[in-house]
């Protein structure tokens, strides 16, 4: 009985880890001036989606949010311009984009990883 409980507890922990990693990354972009995101389960998937967005004439890629580390990686052109700003401006912009990413993830808790979704408005 104890072995069964221990095994069940391990399975539950593994399932929770898979669930959180399935939605770990958000690729942030703008469409018609509104922030949107696409969920990805791996950094590789997120980089791929970011590359696809760079080819899209309607969507403007911003970067990748990692929910596990609560960090943001700017897309390459944005990183260049971001690095040229003052430290204060960089910190303000990073704080803003982290808040936007967190808010979108909370709002869209039912999104599926890896799909470009029908755009919705960021409030």
PDB file of N, CA and C in Angstrom:
ATOM      1  N   UNK A   1       0.817  -1.194   0.000  1.00  0.00           N
ATOM      2  CA  UNK A   1       0.000   0.000   0.000  1.00  0.00           C
ATOM      3  C   UNK A   1       0.864   1.262   0.000  1.00  0.00           C
ATOM      4  N   UNK A   2       1.911   1.280   0.796  1.00  0.00           N
ATOM      5  CA  UNK A   2       2.783   2.441   0.845  1.00  0.00           C
ATOM      6  C   UNK A   2       3.481   2.627  -0.494  1.00  0.00           C
ATOM      7  N   UNK A   3       3.924   1.545  -1.115  1.00  0.00           N
ATOM      8  CA  UNK A   3       4.570   1.642  -2.422  1.00  0.00           C
ATOM      9  C   UNK A   3       3.613   2.232  -3.456  1.00  0.00           C
ATOM     10  N   UNK A   4       2.375   1.801  -3.427  1.00  0.00           N
ATOM     11  CA  UNK A   4       1.383   2.292  -4.367  1.00  0.00           C
ATOM     12  C   UNK A   4       1.164   3.796  -4.175  1.00  0.00           C
ATOM     13  N   UNK A   5       1.057   4.251  -2.934  1.00  0.00           N
ATOM     14  CA  UNK A   5       0.890   5.666  -2.658  1.00  0.00           C
ATOM     15  C   UNK A   5       2.093   6.466  -3.138  1.00  0.00           C
ATOM     16  N   UNK A   6       3.272   5.944  -2.881  1.00  0.00           N
ATOM     17  CA  UNK A   6       4.492   6.635  -3.286  1.00  0.00           C
ATOM     18  C   UNK A   6       4.548   6.739  -4.810  1.00  0.00           C
ATOM     19  N   UNK A   7       4.229   5.649  -5.507  1.00  0.00           N
ATOM     20  CA  UNK A   7       4.235   5.628  -6.965  1.00  0.00           C
ATOM     21  C   UNK A   7       3.200   6.611  -7.517  1.00  0.00           C
ATOM     22  N   UNK A   8       2.010   6.639  -6.921  1.00  0.00           N
ATOM     23  CA  UNK A   8       0.948   7.547  -7.359  1.00  0.00           C
ATOM     24  C   UNK A   8       1.369   8.993  -7.146  1.00  0.00           C
ATOM     25  N   UNK A   9       2.011   9.267  -6.013  1.00  0.00           N
ATOM     26  CA  UNK A   9       2.479  10.620  -5.721  1.00  0.00           C
ATOM     27  C   UNK A   9       3.527  11.053  -6.742  1.00  0.00           C
ATOM     28  N   UNK A  10       4.432  10.148  -7.122  1.00  0.00           N
ATOM     29  CA  UNK A  10       5.446  10.462  -8.128  1.00  0.00           C
ATOM     30  C   UNK A  10       4.799  10.720  -9.478  1.00  0.00           C
ATOM     31  N   UNK A  11       3.814   9.926  -9.854  1.00  0.00           N
ATOM     32  CA  UNK A  11       3.115  10.130 -11.128  1.00  0.00           C
ATOM     33  C   UNK A  11       2.435  11.486 -11.155  1.00  0.00           C
ATOM     34  N   UNK A  12       1.804  11.865 -10.036  1.00  0.00           N
ATOM     35  CA  UNK A  12       1.122  13.153  -9.966  1.00  0.00           C
ATOM     36  C   UNK A  12       2.124  14.294 -10.122  1.00  0.00           C
ATOM     37  N   UNK A  13       3.278  14.176  -9.474  1.00  0.00           N
ATOM     38  CA  UNK A  13       4.324  15.188  -9.584  1.00  0.00           C
ATOM     39  C   UNK A  13       4.828  15.269 -11.017  1.00  0.00           C
ATOM     40  N   UNK A  14       5.054  14.128 -11.674  1.00  0.00           N
ATOM     41  CA  UNK A  14       5.509  14.111 -13.066  1.00  0.00           C
ATOM     42  C   UNK A  14       4.472  14.731 -13.990  1.00  0.00           C
ATOM     43  N   UNK A  15       3.181  14.445 -13.753  1.00  0.00           N
ATOM     44  CA  UNK A  15       2.121  15.019 -14.579  1.00  0.00           C
ATOM     45  C   UNK A  15       2.072  16.531 -14.423  1.00  0.00           C
ATOM     46  N   UNK A  16       2.222  17.018 -13.188  1.00  0.00           N
ATOM     47  CA  UNK A  16       2.205  18.460 -12.956  1.00  0.00           C
ATOM     48  C   UNK A  16       3.379  19.121 -13.659  1.00  0.00           C
ATOM     49  N   UNK A  17       4.543  18.476 -13.642  1.00  0.00           N
ATOM     50  CA  UNK A  17       5.718  19.014 -14.324  1.00  0.00           C
ATOM     51  C   UNK A  17       5.498  19.100 -15.817  1.00  0.00           C
ATOM     52  N   UNK A  18       4.869  18.083 -16.399  1.00  0.00           N
ATOM     53  CA  UNK A  18       4.588  18.097 -17.835  1.00  0.00           C
ATOM     54  C   UNK A  18       3.578  19.178 -18.185  1.00  0.00           C
ATOM     55  N   UNK A  19       2.561  19.351 -17.338  1.00  0.00           N
ATOM     56  CA  UNK A  19       1.563  20.385 -17.599  1.00  0.00           C
ATOM     57  C   UNK A  19       2.194  21.764 -17.606  1.00  0.00           C
ATOM     58  N   UNK A  20       3.039  22.039 -16.621  1.00  0.00           N
ATOM     59  CA  UNK A  20       3.638  23.374 -16.555  1.00  0.00           C
ATOM     60  C   UNK A  20       4.634  23.575 -17.679  1.00  0.00           C
ATOM     61  N   UNK A  21       5.368  22.526 -18.075  1.00  0.00           N
ATOM     62  CA  UNK A  21       6.322  22.694 -19.166  1.00  0.00           C
ATOM     63  C   UNK A  21       5.611  22.809 -20.513  1.00  0.00           C
ATOM     64  N   UNK A  22       4.389  22.285 -20.616  1.00  0.00           N
ATOM     65  CA  UNK A  22       3.641  22.388 -21.866  1.00  0.00           C
ATOM     66  C   UNK A  22       3.308  23.840 -22.183  1.00  0.00           C
ATOM     67  N   UNK A  23       3.202  24.661 -21.174  1.00  0.00           N
ATOM     68  CA  UNK A  23       2.861  26.067 -21.371  1.00  0.00           C
ATOM     69  C   UNK A  23       3.966  26.985 -20.856  1.00  0.00           C
ATOM     70  N   UNK A  24       5.187  26.497 -20.837  1.00  0.00           N
ATOM     71  CA  UNK A  24       6.277  27.265 -20.219  1.00  0.00           C
ATOM     72  C   UNK A  24       6.599  28.560 -20.961  1.00  0.00           C
ATOM     73  N   UNK A  25       6.628  28.544 -22.281  1.00  0.00           N
ATOM     74  CA  UNK A  25       7.058  29.701 -23.068  1.00  0.00           C
ATOM     75  C   UNK A  25       5.876  30.382 -23.749  1.00  0.00           C
ATOM     76  N   UNK A  26       5.958  31.696 -23.838  1.00  0.00           N
ATOM     77  CA  UNK A  26       5.002  32.488 -24.603  1.00  0.00           C
ATOM     78  C   UNK A  26       5.790  33.331 -25.592  1.00  0.00           C
ATOM     79  N   UNK A  27       5.436  33.215 -26.871  1.00  0.00           N
ATOM     80  CA  UNK A  27       6.040  34.069 -27.890  1.00  0.00           C
ATOM     81  C   UNK A  27       5.139  35.286 -28.009  1.00  0.00           C
ATOM     82  N   UNK A  28       5.686  36.432 -27.654  1.00  0.00           N
ATOM     83  CA  UNK A  28       4.923  37.676 -27.632  1.00  0.00           C
ATOM     84  C   UNK A  28       5.075  38.407 -28.956  1.00  0.00           C
ATOM     85  N   UNK A  29       3.963  38.917 -29.476  1.00  0.00           N
ATOM     86  CA  UNK A  29       3.970  39.685 -30.722  1.00  0.00           C
ATOM     87  C   UNK A  29       2.836  40.684 -30.679  1.00  0.00           C
ATOM     88  N   UNK A  30       2.861  41.617 -31.623  1.00  0.00           N
ATOM     89  CA  UNK A  30       1.743  42.555 -31.736  1.00  0.00           C
ATOM     90  C   UNK A  30       1.042  42.336 -33.069  1.00  0.00           C
ATOM     91  N   UNK A  31      -0.241  42.573 -33.052  1.00  0.00           N
ATOM     92  CA  UNK A  31      -1.080  42.504 -34.240  1.00  0.00           C
ATOM     93  C   UNK A  31      -2.059  43.665 -34.147  1.00  0.00           C
ATOM     94  N   UNK A  32      -2.002  44.536 -35.130  1.00  0.00           N
ATOM     95  CA  UNK A  32      -2.851  45.733 -35.143  1.00  0.00           C
ATOM     96  C   UNK A  32      -2.710  46.529 -33.841  1.00  0.00           C
ATOM     97  N   UNK A  33      -1.487  46.624 -33.353  1.00  0.00           N
ATOM     98  CA  UNK A  33      -1.208  47.409 -32.161  1.00  0.00           C
ATOM     99  C   UNK A  33      -1.573  46.755 -30.840  1.00  0.00           C
ATOM    100  N   UNK A  34      -2.032  45.508 -30.874  1.00  0.00           N
ATOM    101  CA  UNK A  34      -2.424  44.796 -29.659  1.00  0.00           C
ATOM    102  C   UNK A  34      -1.461  43.643 -29.402  1.00  0.00           C
ATOM    103  N   UNK A  35      -1.088  43.451 -28.137  1.00  0.00           N
ATOM    104  CA  UNK A  35      -0.204  42.340 -27.775  1.00  0.00           C
ATOM    105  C   UNK A  35      -0.967  41.021 -27.801  1.00  0.00           C
ATOM    106  N   UNK A  36      -0.309  40.000 -28.331  1.00  0.00           N
ATOM    107  CA  UNK A  36      -0.828  38.636 -28.399  1.00  0.00           C
ATOM    108  C   UNK A  36       0.309  37.695 -28.000  1.00  0.00           C
ATOM    109  N   UNK A  37      -0.020  36.428 -27.790  1.00  0.00           N
ATOM    110  CA  UNK A  37       1.034  35.455 -27.521  1.00  0.00           C
ATOM    111  C   UNK A  37       0.652  34.079 -28.044  1.00  0.00           C
ATOM    112  N   UNK A  38       1.685  33.263 -28.239  1.00  0.00           N
ATOM    113  CA  UNK A  38       1.521  31.885 -28.670  1.00  0.00           C
ATOM    114  C   UNK A  38       2.235  31.028 -27.641  1.00  0.00           C
ATOM    115  N   UNK A  39       1.575  30.016 -27.130  1.00  0.00           N
ATOM    116  CA  UNK A  39       2.181  29.136 -26.148  1.00  0.00           C
ATOM    117  C   UNK A  39       3.031  28.070 -26.810  1.00  0.00           C
ATOM    118  N   UNK A  40       4.174  27.775 -26.194  1.00  0.00           N
ATOM    119  CA  UNK A  40       5.084  26.744 -26.689  1.00  0.00           C
ATOM    120  C   UNK A  40       5.612  25.927 -25.516  1.00  0.00           C
ATOM    121  N   UNK A  41       5.844  24.648 -25.766  1.00  0.00           N
ATOM    122  CA  UNK A  41       6.300  23.768 -24.687  1.00  0.00           C
ATOM    123  C   UNK A  41       7.812  23.741 -24.533  1.00  0.00           C
ATOM    124  N   UNK A  42       8.556  24.135 -25.563  1.00  0.00           N
ATOM    125  CA  UNK A  42      10.013  24.108 -25.462  1.00  0.00           C
ATOM    126  C   UNK A  42      10.594  25.396 -26.041  1.00  0.00           C
ATOM    127  N   UNK A  43      11.832  25.669 -25.661  1.00  0.00           N
ATOM    128  CA  UNK A  43      12.502  26.856 -26.178  1.00  0.00           C
ATOM    129  C   UNK A  43      12.705  26.738 -27.691  1.00  0.00           C
ATOM    130  N   UNK A  44      12.969  25.518 -28.135  1.00  0.00           N
ATOM    131  CA  UNK A  44      13.142  25.285 -29.576  1.00  0.00           C
ATOM    132  C   UNK A  44      11.859  25.627 -30.335  1.00  0.00           C
ATOM    133  N   UNK A  45      10.722  25.188 -29.822  1.00  0.00           N
ATOM    134  CA  UNK A  45       9.435  25.513 -30.451  1.00  0.00           C
ATOM    135  C   UNK A  45       9.200  27.018 -30.456  1.00  0.00           C
ATOM    136  N   UNK A  46       9.530  27.665 -29.342  1.00  0.00           N
ATOM    137  CA  UNK A  46       9.336  29.112 -29.240  1.00  0.00           C
ATOM    138  C   UNK A  46      10.217  29.849 -30.255  1.00  0.00           C
ATOM    139  N   UNK A  47      11.455  29.411 -30.415  1.00  0.00           N
ATOM    140  CA  UNK A  47      12.347  30.038 -31.399  1.00  0.00           C
ATOM    141  C   UNK A  47      11.803  29.847 -32.816  1.00  0.00           C
ATOM    142  N   UNK A  48      11.253  28.670 -33.085  1.00  0.00           N
ATOM    143  CA  UNK A  48      10.669  28.390 -34.397  1.00  0.00           C
ATOM    144  C   UNK A  48       9.481  29.321 -34.670  1.00  0.00           C
ATOM    145  N   UNK A  49       8.585  29.452 -33.685  1.00  0.00           N
ATOM    146  CA  UNK A  49       7.416  30.323 -33.843  1.00  0.00           C
ATOM    147  C   UNK A  49       7.868  31.769 -34.026  1.00  0.00           C
ATOM    148  N   UNK A  50       8.872  32.199 -33.259  1.00  0.00           N
ATOM    149  CA  UNK A  50       9.396  33.553 -33.401  1.00  0.00           C
ATOM    150  C   UNK A  50       9.907  33.779 -34.822  1.00  0.00           C
ATOM    151  N   UNK A  51      10.609  32.792 -35.373  1.00  0.00           N
ATOM    152  CA  UNK A  51      11.090  32.887 -36.752  1.00  0.00           C
ATOM    153  C   UNK A  51       9.952  32.985 -37.751  1.00  0.00           C
ATOM    154  N   UNK A  52       8.892  32.219 -37.522  1.00  0.00           N
ATOM    155  CA  UNK A  52       7.716  32.272 -38.398  1.00  0.00           C
ATOM    156  C   UNK A  52       7.059  33.648 -38.337  1.00  0.00           C
ATOM    157  N   UNK A  53       6.997  34.218 -37.135  1.00  0.00           N
ATOM    158  CA  UNK A  53       6.388  35.535 -36.978  1.00  0.00           C
ATOM    159  C   UNK A  53       7.204  36.611 -37.691  1.00  0.00           C
ATOM    160  N   UNK A  54       8.507  36.425 -37.770  1.00  0.00           N
ATOM    161  CA  UNK A  54       9.358  37.411 -38.439  1.00  0.00           C
ATOM    162  C   UNK A  54       9.068  37.461 -39.939  1.00  0.00           C
ATOM    163  N   UNK A  55       8.498  36.388 -40.476  1.00  0.00           N
ATOM    164  CA  UNK A  55       8.153  36.332 -41.900  1.00  0.00           C
ATOM    165  C   UNK A  55       6.717  36.791 -42.165  1.00  0.00           C
ATOM    166  N   UNK A  56       5.948  36.970 -41.098  1.00  0.00           N
ATOM    167  CA  UNK A  56       4.545  37.348 -41.215  1.00  0.00           C
ATOM    168  C   UNK A  56       4.450  38.863 -41.405  1.00  0.00           C
ATOM    169  N   UNK A  57       3.763  39.296 -42.428  1.00  0.00           N
ATOM    170  CA  UNK A  57       3.641  40.721 -42.702  1.00  0.00           C
ATOM    171  C   UNK A  57       2.703  41.460 -41.766  1.00  0.00           C
ATOM    172  N   UNK A  58       1.845  40.741 -41.041  1.00  0.00           N
ATOM    173  CA  UNK A  58       0.860  41.378 -40.167  1.00  0.00           C
ATOM    174  C   UNK A  58       1.287  41.409 -38.702  1.00  0.00           C
ATOM    175  N   UNK A  59       2.001  40.391 -38.275  1.00  0.00           N
ATOM    176  CA  UNK A  59       2.394  40.286 -36.867  1.00  0.00           C
ATOM    177  C   UNK A  59       3.821  40.793 -36.683  1.00  0.00           C
ATOM    178  N   UNK A  60       4.058  41.514 -35.596  1.00  0.00           N
ATOM    179  CA  UNK A  60       5.389  42.031 -35.293  1.00  0.00           C
ATOM    180  C   UNK A  60       5.904  41.297 -34.061  1.00  0.00           C
ATOM    181  N   UNK A  61       6.946  40.472 -34.219  1.00  0.00           N
ATOM    182  CA  UNK A  61       7.467  39.718 -33.074  1.00  0.00           C
ATOM    183  C   UNK A  61       8.129  40.625 -32.053  1.00  0.00           C
ATOM    184  N   UNK A  62       7.936  40.294 -30.777  1.00  0.00           N
ATOM    185  CA  UNK A  62       8.535  41.064 -29.689  1.00  0.00           C
ATOM    186  C   UNK A  62       9.608  40.231 -29.000  1.00  0.00           C
ATOM    187  N   UNK A  63       9.300  38.976 -28.684  1.00  0.00           N
ATOM    188  CA  UNK A  63      10.273  38.112 -28.035  1.00  0.00           C
ATOM    189  C   UNK A  63       9.620  36.928 -27.360  1.00  0.00           C
ATOM    190  N   UNK A  64      10.384  36.279 -26.481  1.00  0.00           N
ATOM    191  CA  UNK A  64       9.945  35.044 -25.833  1.00  0.00           C
ATOM    192  C   UNK A  64       9.976  35.209 -24.315  1.00  0.00           C
ATOM    193  N   UNK A  65       8.848  34.894 -23.678  1.00  0.00           N
ATOM    194  CA  UNK A  65       8.740  34.920 -22.221  1.00  0.00           C
ATOM    195  C   UNK A  65       8.863  33.501 -21.705  1.00  0.00           C
ATOM    196  N   UNK A  66       9.702  33.292 -20.691  1.00  0.00           N
ATOM    197  CA  UNK A  66       9.883  31.995 -20.037  1.00  0.00           C
ATOM    198  C   UNK A  66       9.235  32.083 -18.662  1.00  0.00           C
ATOM    199  N   UNK A  67       8.127  31.371 -18.477  1.00  0.00           N
ATOM    200  CA  UNK A  67       7.381  31.476 -17.223  1.00  0.00           C
ATOM    201  C   UNK A  67       8.111  30.827 -16.058  1.00  0.00           C
ATOM    202  N   UNK A  68       8.956  29.857 -16.329  1.00  0.00           N
ATOM    203  CA  UNK A  68       9.671  29.183 -15.236  1.00  0.00           C
ATOM    204  C   UNK A  68      10.700  30.114 -14.600  1.00  0.00           C
ATOM    205  N   UNK A  69      11.410  30.872 -15.409  1.00  0.00           N
ATOM    206  CA  UNK A  69      12.438  31.777 -14.891  1.00  0.00           C
ATOM    207  C   UNK A  69      11.936  33.212 -14.807  1.00  0.00           C
ATOM    208  N   UNK A  70      10.706  33.456 -15.266  1.00  0.00           N
ATOM    209  CA  UNK A  70      10.119  34.791 -15.310  1.00  0.00           C
ATOM    210  C   UNK A  70      11.072  35.769 -15.995  1.00  0.00           C
ATOM    211  N   UNK A  71      11.519  35.359 -17.181  1.00  0.00           N
ATOM    212  CA  UNK A  71      12.464  36.188 -17.941  1.00  0.00           C
ATOM    213  C   UNK A  71      11.955  36.383 -19.364  1.00  0.00           C
ATOM    214  N   UNK A  72      12.536  37.356 -20.043  1.00  0.00           N
ATOM    215  CA  UNK A  72      12.114  37.685 -21.394  1.00  0.00           C
ATOM    216  C   UNK A  72      13.338  37.836 -22.284  1.00  0.00           C
ATOM    217  N   UNK A  73      13.267  37.255 -23.472  1.00  0.00           N
ATOM    218  CA  UNK A  73      14.334  37.370 -24.471  1.00  0.00           C
ATOM    219  C   UNK A  73      13.763  38.120 -25.666  1.00  0.00           C
ATOM    220  N   UNK A  74      14.334  39.298 -25.964  1.00  0.00           N
ATOM    221  CA  UNK A  74      13.866  40.106 -27.087  1.00  0.00           C
ATOM    222  C   UNK A  74      14.230  39.438 -28.400  1.00  0.00           C
ATOM    223  N   UNK A  75      13.414  39.648 -29.423  1.00  0.00           N
ATOM    224  CA  UNK A  75      13.805  39.190 -30.755  1.00  0.00           C
ATOM    225  C   UNK A  75      15.013  40.035 -31.176  1.00  0.00           C
ATOM    226  N   UNK A  76      15.765  39.584 -32.148  1.00  0.00           N
ATOM    227  CA  UNK A  76      17.092  40.130 -32.427  1.00  0.00           C
ATOM    228  C   UNK A  76      17.111  41.619 -32.785  1.00  0.00           C
ATOM    229  N   UNK A  77      16.185  42.091 -33.575  1.00  0.00           N
ATOM    230  CA  UNK A  77      16.155  43.510 -33.948  1.00  0.00           C
ATOM    231  C   UNK A  77      15.740  44.353 -32.737  1.00  0.00           C
ATOM    232  N   UNK A  78      14.752  43.881 -32.005  1.00  0.00           N
ATOM    233  CA  UNK A  78      14.326  44.574 -30.794  1.00  0.00           C
ATOM    234  C   UNK A  78      15.439  44.631 -29.760  1.00  0.00           C
ATOM    235  N   UNK A  79      16.222  43.550 -29.672  1.00  0.00           N
ATOM    236  CA  UNK A  79      17.339  43.522 -28.730  1.00  0.00           C
ATOM    237  C   UNK A  79      18.359  44.601 -29.081  1.00  0.00           C
ATOM    238  N   UNK A  80      18.635  44.761 -30.359  1.00  0.00           N
ATOM    239  CA  UNK A  80      19.584  45.782 -30.806  1.00  0.00           C
ATOM    240  C   UNK A  80      19.131  47.176 -30.369  1.00  0.00           C
ATOM    241  N   UNK A  81      17.876  47.519 -30.675  1.00  0.00           N
ATOM    242  CA  UNK A  81      17.365  48.838 -30.311  1.00  0.00           C
ATOM    243  C   UNK A  81      17.224  48.993 -28.791  1.00  0.00           C
ATOM    244  N   UNK A  82      16.817  47.928 -28.132  1.00  0.00           N
ATOM    245  CA  UNK A  82      16.667  47.937 -26.677  1.00  0.00           C
ATOM    246  C   UNK A  82      18.016  48.211 -26.004  1.00  0.00           C
ATOM    247  N   UNK A  83      19.074  47.626 -26.521  1.00  0.00           N
ATOM    248  CA  UNK A  83      20.399  47.781 -25.916  1.00  0.00           C
ATOM    249  C   UNK A  83      20.964  49.192 -26.095  1.00  0.00           C
ATOM    250  N   UNK A  84      20.448  49.948 -27.030  1.00  0.00           N
ATOM    251  CA  UNK A  84      20.925  51.307 -27.278  1.00  0.00           C
ATOM    252  C   UNK A  84      20.284  52.338 -26.349  1.00  0.00           C
ATOM    253  N   UNK A  85      19.220  51.947 -25.655  1.00  0.00           N
ATOM    254  CA  UNK A  85      18.533  52.859 -24.741  1.00  0.00           C
ATOM    255  C   UNK A  85      19.278  52.949 -23.407  1.00  0.00           C
ATOM    256  N   UNK A  86      18.906  53.933 -22.625  1.00  0.00           N
ATOM    257  CA  UNK A  86      19.496  54.075 -21.293  1.00  0.00           C
ATOM    258  C   UNK A  86      19.079  52.892 -20.419  1.00  0.00           C
ATOM    259  N   UNK A  87      19.839  52.642 -19.379  1.00  0.00           N
ATOM    260  CA  UNK A  87      19.535  51.538 -18.458  1.00  0.00           C
ATOM    261  C   UNK A  87      18.138  51.702 -17.865  1.00  0.00           C
ATOM    262  N   UNK A  88      17.772  52.915 -17.517  1.00  0.00           N
ATOM    263  CA  UNK A  88      16.448  53.186 -16.951  1.00  0.00           C
ATOM    264  C   UNK A  88      15.352  52.822 -17.943  1.00  0.00           C
ATOM    265  N   UNK A  89      15.501  53.234 -19.196  1.00  0.00           N
ATOM    266  CA  UNK A  89      14.508  52.905 -20.227  1.00  0.00           C
ATOM    267  C   UNK A  89      14.448  51.398 -20.466  1.00  0.00           C
ATOM    268  N   UNK A  90      15.607  50.738 -20.461  1.00  0.00           N
ATOM    269  CA  UNK A  90      15.644  49.285 -20.644  1.00  0.00           C
ATOM    270  C   UNK A  90      14.876  48.586 -19.525  1.00  0.00           C
ATOM    271  N   UNK A  91      15.104  49.011 -18.284  1.00  0.00           N
ATOM    272  CA  UNK A  91      14.426  48.400 -17.140  1.00  0.00           C
ATOM    273  C   UNK A  91      12.930  48.633 -17.194  1.00  0.00           C
ATOM    274  N   UNK A  92      12.519  49.836 -17.560  1.00  0.00           N
ATOM    275  CA  UNK A  92      11.086  50.143 -17.671  1.00  0.00           C
ATOM    276  C   UNK A  92      10.421  49.302 -18.748  1.00  0.00           C
ATOM    277  N   UNK A  93      11.077  49.190 -19.899  1.00  0.00           N
ATOM    278  CA  UNK A  93      10.515  48.410 -21.001  1.00  0.00           C
ATOM    279  C   UNK A  93      10.451  46.923 -20.640  1.00  0.00           C
ATOM    280  N   UNK A  94      11.494  46.409 -19.982  1.00  0.00           N
ATOM    281  CA  UNK A  94      11.489  45.010 -19.564  1.00  0.00           C
ATOM    282  C   UNK A  94      10.370  44.762 -18.556  1.00  0.00           C
ATOM    283  N   UNK A  95      10.205  45.646 -17.604  1.00  0.00           N
ATOM    284  CA  UNK A  95       9.139  45.523 -16.613  1.00  0.00           C
ATOM    285  C   UNK A  95       7.768  45.509 -17.308  1.00  0.00           C
ATOM    286  N   UNK A  96       7.599  46.380 -18.285  1.00  0.00           N
ATOM    287  CA  UNK A  96       6.337  46.460 -19.025  1.00  0.00           C
ATOM    288  C   UNK A  96       6.053  45.165 -19.787  1.00  0.00           C
ATOM    289  N   UNK A  97       7.052  44.654 -20.495  1.00  0.00           N
ATOM    290  CA  UNK A  97       6.831  43.457 -21.308  1.00  0.00           C
ATOM    291  C   UNK A  97       6.643  42.219 -20.423  1.00  0.00           C
ATOM    292  N   UNK A  98       7.279  42.169 -19.264  1.00  0.00           N
ATOM    293  CA  UNK A  98       7.046  41.064 -18.331  1.00  0.00           C
ATOM    294  C   UNK A  98       5.623  41.107 -17.799  1.00  0.00           C
ATOM    295  N   UNK A  99       5.141  42.285 -17.448  1.00  0.00           N
ATOM    296  CA  UNK A  99       3.752  42.420 -16.980  1.00  0.00           C
ATOM    297  C   UNK A  99       2.756  42.029 -18.058  1.00  0.00           C
ATOM    298  N   UNK A 100       3.011  42.439 -19.281  1.00  0.00           N
ATOM    299  CA  UNK A 100       2.122  42.084 -20.396  1.00  0.00           C
ATOM    300  C   UNK A 100       2.107  40.568 -20.585  1.00  0.00           C
ATOM    301  N   UNK A 101       3.282  39.951 -20.581  1.00  0.00           N
ATOM    302  CA  UNK A 101       3.370  38.499 -20.759  1.00  0.00           C
ATOM    303  C   UNK A 101       2.621  37.759 -19.665  1.00  0.00           C
ATOM    304  N   UNK A 102       2.825  38.150 -18.422  1.00  0.00           N
ATOM    305  CA  UNK A 102       2.141  37.495 -17.293  1.00  0.00           C
ATOM    306  C   UNK A 102       0.624  37.671 -17.403  1.00  0.00           C
ATOM    307  N   UNK A 103       0.196  38.865 -17.767  1.00  0.00           N
ATOM    308  CA  UNK A 103      -1.236  39.151 -17.879  1.00  0.00           C
ATOM    309  C   UNK A 103      -1.878  38.330 -18.990  1.00  0.00           C
ATOM    310  N   UNK A 104      -1.223  38.255 -20.140  1.00  0.00           N
ATOM    311  CA  UNK A 104      -1.756  37.453 -21.245  1.00  0.00           C
ATOM    312  C   UNK A 104      -1.866  35.989 -20.851  1.00  0.00           C
ATOM    313  N   UNK A 105      -0.873  35.479 -20.143  1.00  0.00           N
ATOM    314  CA  UNK A 105      -0.906  34.079 -19.725  1.00  0.00           C
ATOM    315  C   UNK A 105      -2.044  33.828 -18.732  1.00  0.00           C
ATOM    316  N   UNK A 106      -2.248  34.744 -17.806  1.00  0.00           N
ATOM    317  CA  UNK A 106      -3.367  34.590 -16.854  1.00  0.00           C
ATOM    318  C   UNK A 106      -4.704  34.648 -17.589  1.00  0.00           C
ATOM    319  N   UNK A 107      -4.819  35.608 -18.495  1.00  0.00           N
ATOM    320  CA  UNK A 107      -6.071  35.796 -19.232  1.00  0.00           C
ATOM    321  C   UNK A 107      -6.389  34.586 -20.106  1.00  0.00           C
ATOM    322  N   UNK A 108      -5.385  34.059 -20.748  1.00  0.00           N
ATOM    323  CA  UNK A 108      -5.591  32.963 -21.701  1.00  0.00           C
ATOM    324  C   UNK A 108      -5.184  31.621 -21.106  1.00  0.00           C
ATOM    325  N   UNK A 109      -5.648  31.342 -19.918  1.00  0.00           N
ATOM    326  CA  UNK A 109      -5.247  30.102 -19.245  1.00  0.00           C
ATOM    327  C   UNK A 109      -5.682  28.848 -19.994  1.00  0.00           C
ATOM    328  N   UNK A 110      -6.578  28.977 -20.958  1.00  0.00           N
ATOM    329  CA  UNK A 110      -7.048  27.818 -21.703  1.00  0.00           C
ATOM    330  C   UNK A 110      -6.383  27.667 -23.069  1.00  0.00           C
ATOM    331  N   UNK A 111      -5.333  28.458 -23.365  1.00  0.00           N
ATOM    332  CA  UNK A 111      -4.701  28.368 -24.680  1.00  0.00           C
ATOM    333  C   UNK A 111      -3.953  27.063 -24.846  1.00  0.00           C
ATOM    334  N   UNK A 112      -3.786  26.670 -26.081  1.00  0.00           N
ATOM    335  CA  UNK A 112      -3.081  25.433 -26.398  1.00  0.00           C
ATOM    336  C   UNK A 112      -1.692  25.756 -26.924  1.00  0.00           C
ATOM    337  N   UNK A 113      -0.730  24.988 -26.479  1.00  0.00           N
ATOM    338  CA  UNK A 113       0.661  25.217 -26.887  1.00  0.00           C
ATOM    339  C   UNK A 113       0.836  25.001 -28.384  1.00  0.00           C
ATOM    340  N   UNK A 114       1.579  25.896 -29.017  1.00  0.00           N
ATOM    341  CA  UNK A 114       1.983  25.707 -30.397  1.00  0.00           C
ATOM    342  C   UNK A 114       1.021  26.176 -31.459  1.00  0.00           C
ATOM    343  N   UNK A 115      -0.043  26.848 -31.106  1.00  0.00           N
ATOM    344  CA  UNK A 115      -1.006  27.282 -32.116  1.00  0.00           C
ATOM    345  C   UNK A 115      -1.087  28.802 -32.155  1.00  0.00           C
ATOM    346  N   UNK A 116      -1.044  29.371 -33.345  1.00  0.00           N
ATOM    347  CA  UNK A 116      -1.326  30.794 -33.479  1.00  0.00           C
ATOM    348  C   UNK A 116      -2.822  30.940 -33.289  1.00  0.00           C
ATOM    349  N   UNK A 117      -3.194  31.707 -32.327  1.00  0.00           N
ATOM    350  CA  UNK A 117      -4.598  31.812 -31.998  1.00  0.00           C
ATOM    351  C   UNK A 117      -5.272  32.947 -32.730  1.00  0.00           C
ATOM    352  N   UNK A 118      -6.567  32.871 -32.753  1.00  0.00           N
ATOM    353  CA  UNK A 118      -7.349  33.998 -33.243  1.00  0.00           C
ATOM    354  C   UNK A 118      -7.052  35.175 -32.329  1.00  0.00           C
ATOM    355  N   UNK A 119      -6.705  36.306 -32.871  1.00  0.00           N
ATOM    356  CA  UNK A 119      -6.320  37.443 -32.044  1.00  0.00           C
ATOM    357  C   UNK A 119      -7.417  37.868 -31.079  1.00  0.00           C
ATOM    358  N   UNK A 120      -6.981  38.215 -29.886  1.00  0.00           N
ATOM    359  CA  UNK A 120      -7.892  38.818 -28.915  1.00  0.00           C
ATOM    360  C   UNK A 120      -7.200  40.072 -28.392  1.00  0.00           C
ATOM    361  N   UNK A 121      -7.948  40.969 -27.811  1.00  0.00           N
ATOM    362  CA  UNK A 121      -7.394  42.255 -27.412  1.00  0.00           C
ATOM    363  C   UNK A 121      -6.821  42.218 -26.013  1.00  0.00           C
ATOM    364  N   UNK A 122      -5.701  42.879 -25.838  1.00  0.00           N
ATOM    365  CA  UNK A 122      -5.073  43.029 -24.531  1.00  0.00           C
ATOM    366  C   UNK A 122      -5.667  44.259 -23.863  1.00  0.00           C
ATOM    367  N   UNK A 123      -6.172  44.066 -22.661  1.00  0.00           N
ATOM    368  CA  UNK A 123      -6.808  45.172 -21.950  1.00  0.00           C
ATOM    369  C   UNK A 123      -5.854  45.807 -20.965  1.00  0.00           C
TER     370      UNK A 123
END
